[in-house]
Amino acid sequence: MMTLHKIAIPILGEEIVPRFDLTTEVIILTTVNDSDIQDKKIIVLPRSSSDELCHTLLAQDINTLICGAIEDEYYEFLKWKKIKVFDGVSGAWAYAFKRWQTQTLNPGDILFTRMVEGNFI
């Protein structure tokens, strides 16, 4: 049986938007059985608005949201609407998606790599 899954990630270029309420672009990835991307589209919002973004997520039948900081009322609303929310995530959206695929993504993950004194941290 094929399971369709739709993941939304608010983006700014290649990065996850730091704050949900500042989102003007969201990438929507569709997978089958949580594997490879079957469909990928970017929706551009006319302005940054948490209300409009929530409406877009519901209209697109999103199952999972990977985002940066999100206000509690929107977090609770999306959870109530049965959307799995990975909040507080920062870094490249593609890497966050790969971590989601391998079930190693957690809320609050900081996915940047930095080199300090010759060592990656």
N, C-alpha and C. Protein backbone atom coordinates (compact mmCIF):
# COMPACT_ATOMS: atom_id res chain seq x y z
N MET A 1 0.84 -1.19 0.00
CA MET A 1 0.00 0.00 0.00
C MET A 1 0.88 1.25 0.00
N MET A 2 0.57 2.18 -0.88
CA MET A 2 1.37 3.41 -0.99
C MET A 2 0.82 4.47 -0.04
N THR A 3 1.73 5.07 0.72
CA THR A 3 1.36 6.14 1.64
C THR A 3 1.94 7.44 1.12
N LEU A 4 1.06 8.39 0.81
CA LEU A 4 1.47 9.70 0.34
C LEU A 4 1.73 10.59 1.55
N HIS A 5 2.84 11.31 1.55
CA HIS A 5 3.19 12.19 2.65
C HIS A 5 3.60 13.54 2.07
N LYS A 6 3.09 14.63 2.64
CA LYS A 6 3.42 15.97 2.17
C LYS A 6 4.08 16.75 3.29
N ILE A 7 5.29 17.22 3.00
CA ILE A 7 6.10 17.95 3.97
C ILE A 7 6.23 19.39 3.50
N ALA A 8 6.00 20.33 4.41
CA ALA A 8 6.17 21.75 4.11
C ALA A 8 7.34 22.29 4.90
N ILE A 9 8.18 23.11 4.22
CA ILE A 9 9.32 23.73 4.89
C ILE A 9 9.36 25.20 4.46
N PRO A 10 9.10 26.15 5.37
CA PRO A 10 9.26 27.56 5.04
C PRO A 10 10.73 27.85 4.74
N ILE A 11 11.00 28.47 3.60
CA ILE A 11 12.39 28.66 3.18
C ILE A 11 12.73 30.11 2.87
N LEU A 12 14.01 30.40 2.95
CA LEU A 12 14.59 31.65 2.50
C LEU A 12 15.86 31.24 1.77
N GLY A 13 15.78 31.15 0.45
CA GLY A 13 16.89 30.61 -0.32
C GLY A 13 16.99 29.12 -0.07
N GLU A 14 18.16 28.67 0.40
CA GLU A 14 18.38 27.25 0.69
C GLU A 14 18.19 26.93 2.18
N GLU A 15 17.89 27.95 2.96
CA GLU A 15 17.79 27.78 4.42
C GLU A 15 16.33 27.77 4.89
N ILE A 16 16.13 27.20 6.07
CA ILE A 16 14.83 27.26 6.72
C ILE A 16 14.67 28.67 7.30
N VAL A 17 13.49 29.26 7.10
CA VAL A 17 13.23 30.60 7.64
C VAL A 17 13.35 30.55 9.16
N PRO A 18 14.07 31.50 9.77
CA PRO A 18 14.27 31.45 11.23
C PRO A 18 12.97 31.55 12.03
N ARG A 19 11.99 32.32 11.49
CA ARG A 19 10.72 32.50 12.21
C ARG A 19 9.55 32.24 11.27
N PHE A 20 8.59 31.45 11.75
CA PHE A 20 7.40 31.07 11.00
C PHE A 20 6.65 32.30 10.48
N ASP A 21 6.53 33.34 11.32
CA ASP A 21 5.76 34.53 10.94
C ASP A 21 6.45 35.40 9.89
N LEU A 22 7.68 35.09 9.53
CA LEU A 22 8.39 35.86 8.50
C LEU A 22 8.41 35.14 7.14
N THR A 23 7.68 34.05 7.02
CA THR A 23 7.70 33.21 5.82
C THR A 23 7.00 33.89 4.65
N THR A 24 7.68 33.93 3.50
CA THR A 24 7.03 34.34 2.25
C THR A 24 7.12 33.25 1.19
N GLU A 25 7.96 32.23 1.45
CA GLU A 25 8.08 31.09 0.52
C GLU A 25 8.05 29.80 1.32
N VAL A 26 7.34 28.82 0.78
CA VAL A 26 7.32 27.51 1.42
C VAL A 26 7.49 26.44 0.34
N ILE A 27 8.38 25.49 0.61
CA ILE A 27 8.58 24.39 -0.32
C ILE A 27 7.74 23.22 0.17
N ILE A 28 7.06 22.58 -0.77
CA ILE A 28 6.23 21.42 -0.43
C ILE A 28 6.78 20.21 -1.17
N LEU A 29 7.15 19.20 -0.40
CA LEU A 29 7.73 17.98 -0.94
C LEU A 29 6.74 16.85 -0.72
N THR A 30 6.47 16.09 -1.77
CA THR A 30 5.58 14.95 -1.68
C THR A 30 6.40 13.68 -1.83
N THR A 31 6.22 12.77 -0.86
CA THR A 31 6.92 11.48 -0.92
C THR A 31 5.89 10.36 -0.90
N VAL A 32 6.31 9.20 -1.38
CA VAL A 32 5.50 7.99 -1.29
C VAL A 32 6.27 7.03 -0.40
N ASN A 33 5.59 6.53 0.62
CA ASN A 33 6.21 5.63 1.60
C ASN A 33 7.48 6.23 2.21
N ASP A 34 7.47 7.54 2.43
CA ASP A 34 8.57 8.27 3.08
C ASP A 34 9.92 8.10 2.38
N SER A 35 9.89 7.85 1.07
CA SER A 35 11.17 7.66 0.38
C SER A 35 11.49 8.87 -0.49
N ASP A 36 11.78 8.67 -1.75
CA ASP A 36 12.21 9.74 -2.62
C ASP A 36 11.11 10.77 -2.89
N ILE A 37 11.54 11.95 -3.26
CA ILE A 37 10.61 13.03 -3.58
C ILE A 37 9.89 12.71 -4.89
N GLN A 38 8.58 12.69 -4.85
CA GLN A 38 7.77 12.46 -6.04
C GLN A 38 7.37 13.77 -6.69
N ASP A 39 7.19 14.80 -5.86
CA ASP A 39 6.78 16.11 -6.36
C ASP A 39 7.38 17.18 -5.45
N LYS A 40 7.76 18.28 -6.06
CA LYS A 40 8.36 19.39 -5.32
C LYS A 40 7.82 20.68 -5.90
N LYS A 41 7.26 21.54 -5.04
CA LYS A 41 6.79 22.83 -5.53
C LYS A 41 7.05 23.89 -4.49
N ILE A 42 7.18 25.11 -4.96
CA ILE A 42 7.39 26.25 -4.08
C ILE A 42 6.18 27.17 -4.21
N ILE A 43 5.61 27.52 -3.07
CA ILE A 43 4.49 28.45 -3.05
C ILE A 43 5.01 29.77 -2.49
N VAL A 44 4.73 30.86 -3.20
CA VAL A 44 5.13 32.19 -2.75
C VAL A 44 3.89 32.89 -2.21
N LEU A 45 4.00 33.34 -0.97
CA LEU A 45 2.89 34.05 -0.35
C LEU A 45 2.98 35.54 -0.67
N PRO A 46 1.85 36.23 -0.78
CA PRO A 46 1.89 37.66 -1.11
C PRO A 46 2.56 38.52 -0.04
N ARG A 47 2.52 38.05 1.21
CA ARG A 47 3.18 38.75 2.32
C ARG A 47 3.39 37.73 3.44
N SER A 48 4.26 38.06 4.38
CA SER A 48 4.47 37.14 5.50
C SER A 48 3.28 37.25 6.46
N SER A 49 2.64 36.12 6.70
CA SER A 49 1.48 36.06 7.59
C SER A 49 1.32 34.64 8.10
N SER A 50 1.38 34.48 9.40
CA SER A 50 1.22 33.15 9.99
C SER A 50 -0.15 32.58 9.66
N ASP A 51 -1.18 33.43 9.67
CA ASP A 51 -2.54 32.97 9.35
C ASP A 51 -2.63 32.44 7.93
N GLU A 52 -2.07 33.19 6.97
CA GLU A 52 -2.10 32.75 5.57
C GLU A 52 -1.27 31.49 5.37
N LEU A 53 -0.16 31.39 6.06
CA LEU A 53 0.68 30.20 5.94
C LEU A 53 -0.06 28.98 6.49
N CYS A 54 -0.72 29.12 7.62
CA CYS A 54 -1.51 28.00 8.17
C CYS A 54 -2.61 27.60 7.19
N HIS A 55 -3.29 28.58 6.61
CA HIS A 55 -4.33 28.28 5.63
C HIS A 55 -3.75 27.51 4.44
N THR A 56 -2.59 27.94 3.96
CA THR A 56 -1.93 27.27 2.84
C THR A 56 -1.58 25.83 3.20
N LEU A 57 -1.05 25.62 4.40
CA LEU A 57 -0.69 24.26 4.82
C LEU A 57 -1.91 23.35 4.84
N LEU A 58 -3.03 23.85 5.33
CA LEU A 58 -4.25 23.05 5.37
C LEU A 58 -4.79 22.81 3.97
N ALA A 59 -4.76 23.83 3.12
CA ALA A 59 -5.27 23.69 1.75
C ALA A 59 -4.44 22.70 0.94
N GLN A 60 -3.15 22.57 1.28
CA GLN A 60 -2.25 21.67 0.56
C GLN A 60 -2.22 20.26 1.17
N ASP A 61 -3.02 20.01 2.19
CA ASP A 61 -3.07 18.70 2.87
C ASP A 61 -1.70 18.27 3.40
N ILE A 62 -1.02 19.19 4.07
CA ILE A 62 0.31 18.92 4.62
C ILE A 62 0.20 17.97 5.81
N ASN A 63 1.12 17.00 5.90
CA ASN A 63 1.20 16.07 7.04
C ASN A 63 2.25 16.50 8.05
N THR A 64 3.35 17.10 7.55
CA THR A 64 4.50 17.43 8.38
C THR A 64 4.99 18.83 8.04
N LEU A 65 5.33 19.59 9.09
CA LEU A 65 5.92 20.92 8.93
C LEU A 65 7.28 20.90 9.61
N ILE A 66 8.30 21.35 8.87
CA ILE A 66 9.64 21.54 9.43
C ILE A 66 9.89 23.04 9.38
N CYS A 67 10.06 23.66 10.54
CA CYS A 67 10.17 25.12 10.55
C CYS A 67 11.11 25.60 11.65
N GLY A 68 11.37 26.90 11.62
CA GLY A 68 12.15 27.54 12.68
C GLY A 68 11.23 27.82 13.86
N ALA A 69 11.45 28.95 14.50
CA ALA A 69 10.63 29.34 15.66
C ALA A 69 9.19 29.58 15.22
N ILE A 70 8.24 29.13 16.04
CA ILE A 70 6.82 29.30 15.73
C ILE A 70 6.11 29.68 17.03
N GLU A 71 5.18 30.63 16.91
CA GLU A 71 4.41 31.04 18.09
C GLU A 71 3.56 29.87 18.57
N ASP A 72 3.37 29.79 19.86
CA ASP A 72 2.67 28.68 20.48
C ASP A 72 1.26 28.49 19.93
N GLU A 73 0.53 29.59 19.69
CA GLU A 73 -0.85 29.43 19.22
C GLU A 73 -0.91 28.75 17.85
N TYR A 74 0.04 29.04 16.97
CA TYR A 74 0.07 28.40 15.65
C TYR A 74 0.56 26.96 15.76
N TYR A 75 1.52 26.72 16.63
CA TYR A 75 2.01 25.36 16.89
C TYR A 75 0.85 24.48 17.35
N GLU A 76 0.12 24.96 18.34
CA GLU A 76 -1.00 24.19 18.90
C GLU A 76 -2.10 23.99 17.86
N PHE A 77 -2.38 25.01 17.06
CA PHE A 77 -3.40 24.90 16.03
C PHE A 77 -3.03 23.82 15.02
N LEU A 78 -1.79 23.83 14.55
CA LEU A 78 -1.35 22.84 13.55
C LEU A 78 -1.34 21.43 14.14
N LYS A 79 -0.92 21.30 15.39
CA LYS A 79 -0.97 19.99 16.05
C LYS A 79 -2.42 19.50 16.15
N TRP A 80 -3.32 20.40 16.47
CA TRP A 80 -4.75 20.08 16.57
C TRP A 80 -5.29 19.61 15.22
N LYS A 81 -4.75 20.18 14.14
CA LYS A 81 -5.14 19.79 12.79
C LYS A 81 -4.39 18.56 12.30
N LYS A 82 -3.69 17.89 13.21
CA LYS A 82 -2.98 16.62 12.94
C LYS A 82 -1.77 16.77 12.03
N ILE A 83 -1.12 17.94 12.08
CA ILE A 83 0.12 18.15 11.35
C ILE A 83 1.27 17.95 12.34
N LYS A 84 2.21 17.08 11.99
CA LYS A 84 3.39 16.84 12.83
C LYS A 84 4.34 18.02 12.63
N VAL A 85 4.72 18.68 13.72
CA VAL A 85 5.54 19.89 13.64
C VAL A 85 6.92 19.63 14.24
N PHE A 86 7.94 19.87 13.42
CA PHE A 86 9.32 19.87 13.88
C PHE A 86 9.72 21.34 13.93
N ASP A 87 9.64 21.97 15.10
CA ASP A 87 9.91 23.40 15.22
C ASP A 87 11.30 23.65 15.76
N GLY A 88 11.74 24.89 15.61
CA GLY A 88 13.05 25.28 16.11
C GLY A 88 14.21 24.71 15.32
N VAL A 89 13.94 24.26 14.10
CA VAL A 89 14.99 23.66 13.26
C VAL A 89 15.65 24.77 12.44
N SER A 90 16.97 24.77 12.39
CA SER A 90 17.67 25.75 11.56
C SER A 90 18.73 25.05 10.71
N GLY A 91 18.97 25.64 9.54
CA GLY A 91 19.95 25.07 8.63
C GLY A 91 19.37 24.95 7.23
N ALA A 92 20.05 24.17 6.40
CA ALA A 92 19.62 23.97 5.01
C ALA A 92 18.37 23.09 4.98
N TRP A 93 17.39 23.50 4.20
CA TRP A 93 16.13 22.73 4.16
C TRP A 93 16.36 21.32 3.60
N ALA A 94 17.25 21.18 2.63
CA ALA A 94 17.48 19.86 2.02
C ALA A 94 18.07 18.89 3.05
N TYR A 95 18.95 19.38 3.91
CA TYR A 95 19.53 18.53 4.93
C TYR A 95 18.49 18.16 5.99
N ALA A 96 17.64 19.11 6.34
CA ALA A 96 16.56 18.83 7.30
C ALA A 96 15.63 17.76 6.73
N PHE A 97 15.33 17.86 5.43
CA PHE A 97 14.47 16.85 4.80
C PHE A 97 15.13 15.48 4.83
N LYS A 98 16.44 15.41 4.54
CA LYS A 98 17.15 14.12 4.59
C LYS A 98 17.11 13.53 5.99
N ARG A 99 17.28 14.39 6.99
CA ARG A 99 17.20 13.92 8.38
C ARG A 99 15.79 13.42 8.69
N TRP A 100 14.76 14.08 8.16
CA TRP A 100 13.38 13.62 8.36
C TRP A 100 13.20 12.24 7.72
N GLN A 101 13.73 12.06 6.50
CA GLN A 101 13.61 10.78 5.80
C GLN A 101 14.21 9.64 6.61
N THR A 102 15.33 9.90 7.26
CA THR A 102 16.01 8.85 8.01
C THR A 102 15.55 8.80 9.47
N GLN A 103 14.52 9.56 9.78
CA GLN A 103 13.93 9.61 11.12
C GLN A 103 14.94 10.02 12.19
N THR A 104 15.86 10.93 11.81
CA THR A 104 16.84 11.44 12.76
C THR A 104 16.66 12.94 13.01
N LEU A 105 15.56 13.51 12.51
CA LEU A 105 15.29 14.93 12.73
C LEU A 105 14.52 15.09 14.04
N ASN A 106 14.94 16.08 14.82
CA ASN A 106 14.27 16.38 16.08
C ASN A 106 13.97 17.87 16.16
N PRO A 107 12.88 18.23 16.85
CA PRO A 107 12.63 19.66 17.08
C PRO A 107 13.85 20.29 17.74
N GLY A 108 14.18 21.51 17.31
CA GLY A 108 15.31 22.22 17.89
C GLY A 108 16.66 21.90 17.28
N ASP A 109 16.69 21.02 16.26
CA ASP A 109 17.97 20.67 15.64
C ASP A 109 18.61 21.88 14.95
N ILE A 110 19.89 22.08 15.21
CA ILE A 110 20.68 23.11 14.52
C ILE A 110 21.58 22.36 13.55
N LEU A 111 21.31 22.54 12.26
CA LEU A 111 21.94 21.71 11.23
C LEU A 111 23.05 22.43 10.47
N PHE A 112 23.69 23.36 11.13
CA PHE A 112 24.83 24.04 10.52
C PHE A 112 26.10 23.34 10.95
N THR A 113 27.08 23.35 10.07
CA THR A 113 28.40 22.86 10.48
C THR A 113 29.33 24.07 10.49
N ARG A 114 30.12 24.15 11.51
CA ARG A 114 31.08 25.24 11.64
C ARG A 114 32.45 24.62 11.89
N MET A 115 33.47 25.31 11.43
CA MET A 115 34.82 24.85 11.71
C MET A 115 35.47 25.86 12.67
N VAL A 116 35.91 25.34 13.79
CA VAL A 116 36.60 26.17 14.78
C VAL A 116 37.93 25.50 15.08
N GLU A 117 38.99 26.23 14.89
CA GLU A 117 40.34 25.72 15.13
C GLU A 117 40.59 24.39 14.43
N GLY A 118 40.10 24.28 13.18
CA GLY A 118 40.35 23.11 12.37
C GLY A 118 39.43 21.92 12.63
N ASN A 119 38.46 22.08 13.53
CA ASN A 119 37.53 21.00 13.85
C ASN A 119 36.10 21.42 13.52
N PHE A 120 35.33 20.49 12.93
CA PHE A 120 33.93 20.76 12.70
C PHE A 120 33.17 20.63 14.01
N ILE A 121 32.30 21.59 14.26
CA ILE A 121 31.48 21.54 15.48
C ILE A 121 30.02 21.59 15.11
